[in-house]
Amino acid sequence: MSKKYKFETEAVKTQIERSQFLEHSSPLYLTSSFVFEDAEDMRASFAEEKERNIYSRYSNPNSSEFIEKVCKMEGAEDGFAFASGMAAVYSTLAALLDSGDHIISARNIFGSTHSLFTQFFPKWNISTSYFKIDELDEIEALITPNTKILYAESPTNPGVDILDLEALGKIAKKHKLIFIIDNCFATPYLQQPIKFGADLVIHSGTKLMDGQGRVLAGITVGSKELMDKVYRFSRITGPSLSPFNAWILSKSLETLALRVDRHCENAMKLAEFLEGHSKINWVKYPFLKSHPKYEIAKKQMKAGGSVIAFEVKGGIDGGRKFFDAIKLLSLSANLGDSRSIVTHPASTTHSKLTTAEREEVGITDGTVRVSVGLEHIDDIIADIEQALA
């Protein structure tokens, strides 16, 4: 049995086998397909009598290294890497659901995931019921004989709300539901949902996993049994991650712990600055004691993450003035970048939701989401302070 190393060591150490050139850093395998030694090798490979690369839509050494690293980080048995975070969400659910099945989901989820549940899945007779994040006791009343999946994010996008993963895991186990968590905001460095009962964990690798705004990616990891279904669906439908992006991500994971430590340190200082500011109505950050789920966040997360939500006074006009006054921070819909980013969810990431739907999950016209980057914290605070002024 191979020695189990600490998180940071596994991120650096895990590597595909070296080629005959004995390279120190993993090489790029920019190939669409792989050759066979003879007819029997080809037959046995397609019959899945041996594990080997056949076609990069199925697997590739670079994708395999990325998947192996994330599996070790999350404590998962297997995984599959996708071309984007939403490709991971859609493919995972589509692989597991049949017509007539039912999803129970937290209402506070990413806008595109909500659109998937409400606009596209109903076309295939797949229904969704939502529960409020503060009322987990209402989940059991939503369960029907057709319920198959319990789905949630924690922390949520964009409101950085926290759900009790252990409580959700117990409900899922009791009713034999597949428990899926979007762990994008926390990364496997800060939180491992499988420890709390999750069957599958999904990430948008575009965010903190890459950390520098370079590539799109997604990944799902979890039990071997469920991931086999996800793999077979994805092998046919083709949403797989490119070898180049997988190579980028695998290298990025080597610095994940270092980067996320600084993100969290900066975010905590910014959250403390914003709390009580005269131009701010409220601030939400998981490791602020004022966060309504502070104790749960401390139980299941190592630190608070890189994202802060707050509301600027003055509604839509106050928000517009704030964004127009920003100088250092980027105005972008992304997050988890080395550069700090400010986003207006009501007009960007959650703009497809109705006003009522946004209000239901706490997104007001003045809500601001800040993805705190790696710049010096004094400069980040100074830019936000002058914009609020």
Protein backbone atom coordinates (compact mmCIF):
# COMPACT_ATOMS: atom_id res chain seq x y z
CA MET A 1 0.00 0.00 0.00
CA SER A 2 1.46 3.34 -1.04
CA LYS A 3 2.12 5.97 1.63
CA LYS A 4 -0.61 8.58 2.07
CA TYR A 5 0.80 12.08 2.10
CA LYS A 6 -0.63 15.38 3.33
CA PHE A 7 -2.91 17.42 1.05
CA GLU A 8 -0.22 19.78 -0.22
CA THR A 9 2.22 16.93 -0.91
CA GLU A 10 -0.31 14.89 -2.86
CA ALA A 11 -1.08 17.96 -4.99
CA VAL A 12 2.58 18.16 -6.02
CA LYS A 13 3.52 14.48 -5.98
CA THR A 14 0.62 12.91 -7.93
CA GLN A 15 1.80 12.52 -11.51
CA ILE A 16 1.31 10.26 -14.51
CA GLU A 17 4.14 7.85 -15.27
CA ARG A 18 7.20 9.40 -16.83
CA SER A 19 7.95 8.64 -20.47
CA GLN A 20 11.28 7.38 -21.79
CA PHE A 21 12.54 10.97 -21.55
CA LEU A 22 12.17 10.96 -17.74
CA GLU A 23 10.69 14.46 -17.63
CA HIS A 24 10.36 16.09 -14.20
CA SER A 25 7.12 17.91 -15.07
CA SER A 26 4.26 16.01 -16.71
CA PRO A 27 4.35 16.36 -20.50
CA LEU A 28 1.43 17.45 -22.66
CA TYR A 29 -0.40 14.72 -24.58
CA LEU A 30 -1.98 16.74 -27.37
CA THR A 31 -3.35 13.80 -29.30
CA SER A 32 -6.87 12.91 -30.33
CA SER A 33 -6.23 9.16 -30.34
CA PHE A 34 -3.77 6.41 -29.38
CA VAL A 35 -2.36 3.51 -31.40
CA PHE A 36 -2.52 -0.21 -30.70
CA GLU A 37 0.23 -2.82 -30.79
CA ASP A 38 -1.78 -5.32 -32.84
CA ALA A 39 -5.32 -6.52 -33.61
CA GLU A 40 -5.68 -8.34 -30.28
CA ASP A 41 -4.57 -5.25 -28.34
CA MET A 42 -7.18 -3.18 -30.18
CA ARG A 43 -9.94 -5.74 -29.58
CA ALA A 44 -9.12 -6.15 -25.87
CA SER A 45 -8.96 -2.39 -25.38
CA PHE A 46 -12.40 -1.74 -26.86
CA ALA A 47 -13.78 -4.72 -24.94
CA GLU A 48 -12.49 -3.00 -21.76
CA GLU A 49 -10.44 -6.05 -20.83
CA LYS A 50 -7.51 -3.74 -20.13
CA GLU A 51 -7.18 -0.17 -18.91
CA ARG A 52 -5.53 1.98 -21.53
CA ASN A 53 -6.07 5.19 -23.49
CA ILE A 54 -8.03 4.76 -26.71
CA TYR A 55 -9.38 8.19 -27.63
CA SER A 56 -9.04 11.51 -25.80
CA ARG A 57 -12.81 11.92 -25.62
CA TYR A 58 -12.75 8.86 -23.33
CA SER A 59 -9.50 9.45 -21.43
CA ASN A 60 -6.11 11.08 -21.81
CA PRO A 61 -3.00 10.96 -19.57
CA ASN A 62 -3.36 14.65 -18.73
CA SER A 63 -7.04 14.33 -17.81
CA SER A 64 -6.27 11.21 -15.78
CA GLU A 65 -3.63 13.04 -13.73
CA PHE A 66 -6.02 15.93 -13.01
CA ILE A 67 -8.80 13.52 -12.00
CA GLU A 68 -6.49 11.49 -9.76
CA LYS A 69 -5.36 14.63 -7.92
CA VAL A 70 -8.91 15.81 -7.26
CA CYS A 71 -9.99 12.32 -6.17
CA LYS A 72 -7.18 12.24 -3.60
CA MET A 73 -8.06 15.74 -2.41
CA GLU A 74 -11.77 14.95 -2.03
CA GLY A 75 -11.39 11.39 -0.76
CA ALA A 76 -13.24 10.06 -3.82
CA GLU A 77 -12.93 6.73 -5.64
CA ASP A 78 -13.21 7.95 -9.23
CA GLY A 79 -13.98 10.98 -11.38
CA PHE A 80 -14.44 12.48 -14.83
CA ALA A 81 -13.22 15.84 -16.14
CA PHE A 82 -15.44 18.09 -18.24
CA ALA A 83 -15.07 21.07 -20.58
CA SER A 84 -16.83 23.41 -18.11
CA GLY A 85 -18.48 23.44 -14.72
CA MET A 86 -21.97 23.42 -16.21
CA ALA A 87 -20.99 20.50 -18.47
CA ALA A 88 -20.15 18.65 -15.25
CA VAL A 89 -23.47 19.58 -13.62
CA TYR A 90 -25.58 18.66 -16.66
CA SER A 91 -23.74 15.47 -17.60
CA THR A 92 -23.67 14.16 -14.03
CA LEU A 93 -27.39 14.65 -13.56
CA ALA A 94 -28.34 13.47 -17.05
CA ALA A 95 -26.33 10.29 -16.57
CA LEU A 96 -28.18 9.42 -13.37
CA LEU A 97 -31.74 10.56 -14.10
CA ASP A 98 -34.53 8.89 -16.07
CA SER A 99 -37.81 10.32 -17.33
CA GLY A 100 -40.18 10.62 -14.40
CA ASP A 101 -37.45 11.12 -11.80
CA HIS A 102 -37.53 13.90 -9.22
CA ILE A 103 -34.79 16.17 -7.83
CA ILE A 104 -34.86 17.93 -4.48
CA SER A 105 -32.57 20.95 -4.50
CA ALA A 106 -31.68 23.87 -2.30
CA ARG A 107 -33.28 27.00 -3.76
CA ASN A 108 -30.02 28.94 -3.48
CA ILE A 109 -28.08 27.62 -6.47
CA PHE A 110 -26.19 29.02 -9.46
CA GLY A 111 -28.47 30.68 -12.02
CA SER A 112 -27.58 28.29 -14.86
CA THR A 113 -28.26 25.26 -12.67
CA HIS A 114 -31.67 26.72 -11.78
CA SER A 115 -32.38 27.23 -15.49
CA LEU A 116 -31.39 23.61 -16.17
CA PHE A 117 -33.83 22.41 -13.49
CA THR A 118 -36.73 24.65 -14.53
CA GLN A 119 -36.40 25.08 -18.32
CA PHE A 120 -34.75 21.95 -19.72
CA PHE A 121 -35.28 18.96 -17.43
CA PRO A 122 -39.09 19.37 -17.49
CA LYS A 123 -38.95 18.69 -21.26
CA TRP A 124 -37.78 15.17 -20.35
CA ASN A 125 -40.33 14.76 -17.55
CA ILE A 126 -37.76 15.36 -14.81
CA SER A 127 -39.13 17.57 -12.04
CA THR A 128 -37.50 19.59 -9.25
CA SER A 129 -38.73 20.69 -5.84
CA TYR A 130 -36.87 23.37 -3.92
CA PHE A 131 -36.29 23.68 -0.19
CA LYS A 132 -35.26 26.84 1.66
CA ILE A 133 -31.74 26.66 3.04
CA ASP A 134 -32.91 27.61 6.54
CA GLU A 135 -35.63 24.94 6.60
CA LEU A 136 -33.91 21.58 6.14
CA ASP A 137 -36.71 19.93 8.09
CA GLU A 138 -39.04 20.54 5.14
CA ILE A 139 -36.96 18.31 2.83
CA GLU A 140 -38.53 15.04 3.92
CA ALA A 141 -42.00 16.36 3.11
CA LEU A 142 -40.85 16.93 -0.49
CA ILE A 143 -39.64 13.36 -1.01
CA THR A 144 -41.76 11.23 -3.36
CA PRO A 145 -41.35 7.64 -4.59
CA ASN A 146 -39.68 9.12 -7.70
CA THR A 147 -37.14 11.27 -5.85
CA LYS A 148 -33.62 10.23 -6.81
CA ILE A 149 -31.25 13.14 -6.11
CA LEU A 150 -30.64 15.62 -3.29
CA TYR A 151 -28.64 18.57 -4.67
CA ALA A 152 -27.08 21.64 -3.04
CA GLU A 153 -24.20 24.13 -3.04
CA SER A 154 -22.29 25.22 0.04
CA PRO A 155 -21.19 27.99 0.18
CA THR A 156 -23.89 29.14 -2.23
CA ASN A 157 -23.48 31.37 -5.29
CA PRO A 158 -23.69 34.36 -4.94
CA GLY A 159 -24.97 34.80 -1.38
CA VAL A 160 -22.29 32.68 0.39
CA ASP A 161 -24.95 30.97 2.47
CA ILE A 162 -23.94 27.78 4.30
CA LEU A 163 -25.85 24.49 4.40
CA ASP A 164 -25.34 21.81 7.02
CA LEU A 165 -23.76 19.05 4.92
CA GLU A 166 -23.91 16.47 7.69
CA ALA A 167 -27.66 17.01 8.15
CA LEU A 168 -28.24 16.74 4.40
CA GLY A 169 -26.12 13.60 4.24
CA LYS A 170 -28.21 11.92 6.95
CA ILE A 171 -31.46 12.74 5.12
CA ALA A 172 -30.06 11.39 1.85
CA LYS A 173 -28.85 8.18 3.47
CA LYS A 174 -32.15 7.63 5.31
CA HIS A 175 -34.15 7.90 2.08
CA LYS A 176 -31.53 6.31 -0.21
CA LEU A 177 -31.08 9.45 -2.30
CA ILE A 178 -27.98 10.33 -4.32
CA PHE A 179 -26.48 13.31 -2.48
CA ILE A 180 -24.62 15.73 -4.79
CA ILE A 181 -22.75 18.84 -3.64
CA ASP A 182 -21.35 21.67 -5.75
CA ASN A 183 -18.12 22.37 -3.84
CA CYS A 184 -16.79 25.05 -6.20
CA PHE A 185 -16.61 27.96 -3.71
CA ALA A 186 -14.81 25.94 -1.03
CA THR A 187 -12.45 23.81 -3.16
CA PRO A 188 -11.36 20.42 -1.77
CA TYR A 189 -8.70 22.25 0.26
CA LEU A 190 -11.28 23.92 2.50
CA GLN A 191 -14.05 21.31 2.49
CA GLN A 192 -14.53 17.64 1.58
CA PRO A 193 -18.29 16.94 1.35
CA ILE A 194 -17.79 13.17 1.06
CA LYS A 195 -16.79 13.20 4.74
CA PHE A 196 -20.30 14.48 5.51
CA GLY A 197 -22.16 11.95 3.38
CA ALA A 198 -22.02 13.29 -0.19
CA ASP A 199 -22.01 10.64 -2.92
CA LEU A 200 -20.73 12.96 -5.65
CA VAL A 201 -18.90 16.30 -5.59
CA ILE A 202 -18.90 18.74 -8.51
CA HIS A 203 -16.49 21.60 -9.22
CA SER A 204 -16.15 24.31 -11.80
CA GLY A 205 -12.41 24.04 -12.34
CA THR A 206 -12.65 27.41 -14.08
CA LYS A 207 -12.66 29.07 -10.67
CA LEU A 208 -10.15 28.54 -7.84
CA MET A 209 -8.80 25.26 -9.20
CA ASP A 210 -7.29 27.13 -12.14
CA GLY A 211 -7.07 30.33 -10.13
CA GLN A 212 -5.83 32.57 -12.89
CA GLY A 213 -8.76 32.92 -15.28
CA ARG A 214 -7.13 30.95 -18.09
CA VAL A 215 -9.28 27.92 -18.85
CA LEU A 216 -12.80 26.50 -18.62
CA ALA A 217 -13.17 23.17 -16.85
CA GLY A 218 -15.40 21.04 -14.66
CA ILE A 219 -15.02 17.83 -12.71
CA THR A 220 -17.20 15.36 -10.85
CA VAL A 221 -15.76 12.88 -8.34
CA GLY A 222 -17.31 10.33 -6.02
CA SER A 223 -18.19 6.67 -5.70
CA LYS A 224 -16.93 4.30 -8.38
CA GLU A 225 -20.40 2.89 -8.98
CA LEU A 226 -22.01 6.28 -9.72
CA MET A 227 -18.99 7.62 -11.61
CA ASP A 228 -19.12 4.61 -13.95
CA LYS A 229 -22.57 5.79 -15.07
CA VAL A 230 -21.33 9.36 -15.47
CA TYR A 231 -18.29 8.14 -17.43
CA ARG A 232 -20.34 6.01 -19.84
CA PHE A 233 -22.78 8.84 -20.52
CA SER A 234 -19.97 11.35 -21.03
CA ARG A 235 -17.88 9.01 -23.18
CA ILE A 236 -20.78 8.90 -25.65
CA THR A 237 -21.96 12.52 -25.46
CA GLY A 238 -18.49 14.07 -25.54
CA PRO A 239 -18.30 16.91 -22.95
CA SER A 240 -14.76 15.90 -21.93
CA LEU A 241 -11.98 18.28 -20.89
CA SER A 242 -9.22 19.01 -23.40
CA PRO A 243 -5.73 17.61 -22.62
CA PHE A 244 -4.21 21.10 -22.64
CA ASN A 245 -6.70 22.48 -20.10
CA ALA A 246 -6.25 19.36 -17.95
CA TRP A 247 -2.48 19.93 -17.97
CA ILE A 248 -2.97 23.56 -16.92
CA LEU A 249 -5.30 22.54 -14.09
CA SER A 250 -3.08 19.76 -12.82
CA LYS A 251 -0.21 22.23 -12.50
CA SER A 252 -2.53 24.78 -10.87
CA LEU A 253 -3.53 22.29 -8.17
CA GLU A 254 0.10 22.18 -7.03
CA THR A 255 -0.34 25.72 -5.67
CA LEU A 256 -4.02 25.46 -4.64
CA ALA A 257 -3.35 25.40 -0.88
CA LEU A 258 -0.95 28.35 -1.03
CA ARG A 259 -3.29 30.42 -3.16
CA VAL A 260 -6.46 29.64 -1.22
CA ASP A 261 -4.75 30.47 2.08
CA ARG A 262 -4.01 33.98 0.76
CA HIS A 263 -7.47 34.35 -0.80
CA CYS A 264 -9.05 33.51 2.56
CA GLU A 265 -6.71 35.78 4.52
CA ASN A 266 -7.51 38.72 2.22
CA ALA A 267 -11.24 37.96 2.18
CA MET A 268 -11.45 37.85 5.97
CA LYS A 269 -9.76 41.26 6.28
CA LEU A 270 -12.02 42.78 3.62
CA ALA A 271 -15.14 41.33 5.25
CA GLU A 272 -14.12 42.83 8.60
CA PHE A 273 -13.57 46.20 6.92
CA LEU A 274 -16.97 46.14 5.22
CA GLU A 275 -18.87 45.08 8.33
CA GLY A 276 -20.38 48.16 9.88
CA HIS A 277 -19.41 50.46 6.97
CA SER A 278 -21.86 53.35 6.69
CA LYS A 279 -22.54 52.70 2.98
CA ILE A 280 -23.25 48.97 3.45
CA ASN A 281 -26.54 47.42 4.61
CA TRP A 282 -25.16 43.94 5.34
CA VAL A 283 -22.12 41.72 4.76
CA LYS A 284 -22.01 37.92 4.48
CA TYR A 285 -18.84 35.90 4.79
CA PRO A 286 -18.80 32.38 6.28
CA PHE A 287 -16.10 33.06 8.88
CA LEU A 288 -17.57 36.35 10.14
CA LYS A 289 -19.24 35.67 13.48
CA SER A 290 -22.24 37.64 12.21
CA HIS A 291 -22.87 35.02 9.50
CA PRO A 292 -26.07 33.14 10.47
CA LYS A 293 -24.37 29.77 9.89
CA TYR A 294 -20.96 30.68 11.32
CA GLU A 295 -20.77 27.64 13.62
CA ILE A 296 -21.66 25.21 10.81
CA ALA A 297 -19.12 26.88 8.50
CA LYS A 298 -16.42 26.45 11.16
CA LYS A 299 -17.38 22.77 11.55
CA GLN A 300 -17.18 21.82 7.88
CA MET A 301 -14.73 24.32 6.36
CA LYS A 302 -11.05 25.02 7.05
CA ALA A 303 -11.48 28.74 6.25
CA GLY A 304 -14.13 31.03 4.80
CA GLY A 305 -13.20 31.04 1.12
CA SER A 306 -12.57 33.86 -1.33
CA VAL A 307 -16.09 35.23 -1.89
CA ILE A 308 -17.93 37.94 0.04
CA ALA A 309 -21.47 39.17 -0.55
CA PHE A 310 -22.71 42.56 0.60
CA GLU A 311 -25.43 45.07 -0.20
CA VAL A 312 -24.63 48.65 -1.16
CA LYS A 313 -27.07 51.27 0.08
CA GLY A 314 -29.07 53.07 -2.60
CA GLY A 315 -30.42 50.09 -4.54
CA ILE A 316 -29.72 49.88 -8.27
CA ASP A 317 -28.42 53.47 -8.47
CA GLY A 318 -26.10 52.96 -5.51
CA GLY A 319 -24.83 49.77 -7.05
CA ARG A 320 -24.21 51.39 -10.44
CA LYS A 321 -22.27 54.26 -8.87
CA PHE A 322 -20.18 51.78 -6.91
CA PHE A 323 -19.31 49.69 -9.97
CA ASP A 324 -18.55 52.71 -12.12
CA ALA A 325 -16.15 54.02 -9.46
CA ILE A 326 -14.10 50.80 -9.17
CA LYS A 327 -10.56 51.24 -10.49
CA LEU A 328 -8.33 48.33 -9.41
CA LEU A 329 -10.79 45.46 -9.18
CA SER A 330 -12.14 43.86 -12.36
CA LEU A 331 -15.79 44.02 -13.39
CA SER A 332 -16.36 40.44 -14.47
CA ALA A 333 -18.77 37.54 -14.01
CA ASN A 334 -15.98 35.11 -13.08
CA LEU A 335 -14.60 34.33 -9.62
CA GLY A 336 -11.68 32.53 -8.00
CA ASP A 337 -9.10 34.47 -10.01
CA SER A 338 -5.76 35.87 -8.82
CA ARG A 339 -7.30 39.25 -9.70
CA SER A 340 -10.06 40.56 -7.44
CA ILE A 341 -13.43 40.72 -9.18
CA VAL A 342 -16.65 42.55 -8.37
CA THR A 343 -19.91 41.28 -9.86
CA HIS A 344 -23.49 42.52 -9.88
CA PRO A 345 -25.46 39.23 -9.75
CA ALA A 346 -28.86 40.80 -10.51
CA SER A 347 -27.68 42.00 -13.92
CA THR A 348 -25.15 39.25 -14.74
CA THR A 349 -24.92 35.72 -13.30
CA HIS A 350 -28.54 35.64 -12.07
CA SER A 351 -30.10 38.02 -14.60
CA LYS A 352 -32.21 35.23 -16.16
CA LEU A 353 -34.09 34.86 -12.87
CA THR A 354 -37.17 37.00 -12.28
CA THR A 355 -37.03 39.73 -9.63
CA ALA A 356 -39.18 37.55 -7.38
CA GLU A 357 -36.87 34.55 -7.87
CA ARG A 358 -33.82 36.66 -7.02
CA GLU A 359 -35.47 38.10 -3.91
CA GLU A 360 -36.38 34.58 -2.82
CA VAL A 361 -32.68 33.69 -2.59
CA GLY A 362 -31.59 37.04 -1.14
CA ILE A 363 -30.27 38.71 -4.30
CA THR A 364 -31.30 42.36 -4.22
CA ASP A 365 -30.59 45.08 -6.77
CA GLY A 366 -27.80 46.32 -4.51
CA THR A 367 -26.16 42.94 -3.90
CA VAL A 368 -22.46 42.84 -4.76
CA ARG A 369 -20.33 39.70 -4.98
CA VAL A 370 -16.60 40.18 -4.47
CA SER A 371 -14.16 37.44 -5.40
CA VAL A 372 -11.13 38.51 -3.37
CA GLY A 373 -7.87 38.02 -5.23
CA LEU A 374 -4.18 37.92 -4.44
CA GLU A 375 -3.35 41.63 -4.63
CA HIS A 376 -2.16 43.30 -1.44
CA ILE A 377 -5.14 43.62 0.87
CA ASP A 378 -4.45 47.32 1.51
CA ASP A 379 -4.90 48.04 -2.20
CA ILE A 380 -8.09 45.96 -2.42
CA ILE A 381 -9.62 47.75 0.57
CA ALA A 382 -8.54 51.18 -0.71
CA ASP A 383 -10.24 50.63 -4.07
CA ILE A 384 -13.50 49.49 -2.51
CA GLU A 385 -13.37 52.29 0.04
CA GLN A 386 -12.99 54.99 -2.61
CA ALA A 387 -15.75 53.41 -4.73
CA LEU A 388 -18.14 53.40 -1.77
CA ALA A 389 -17.27 57.02 -1.10
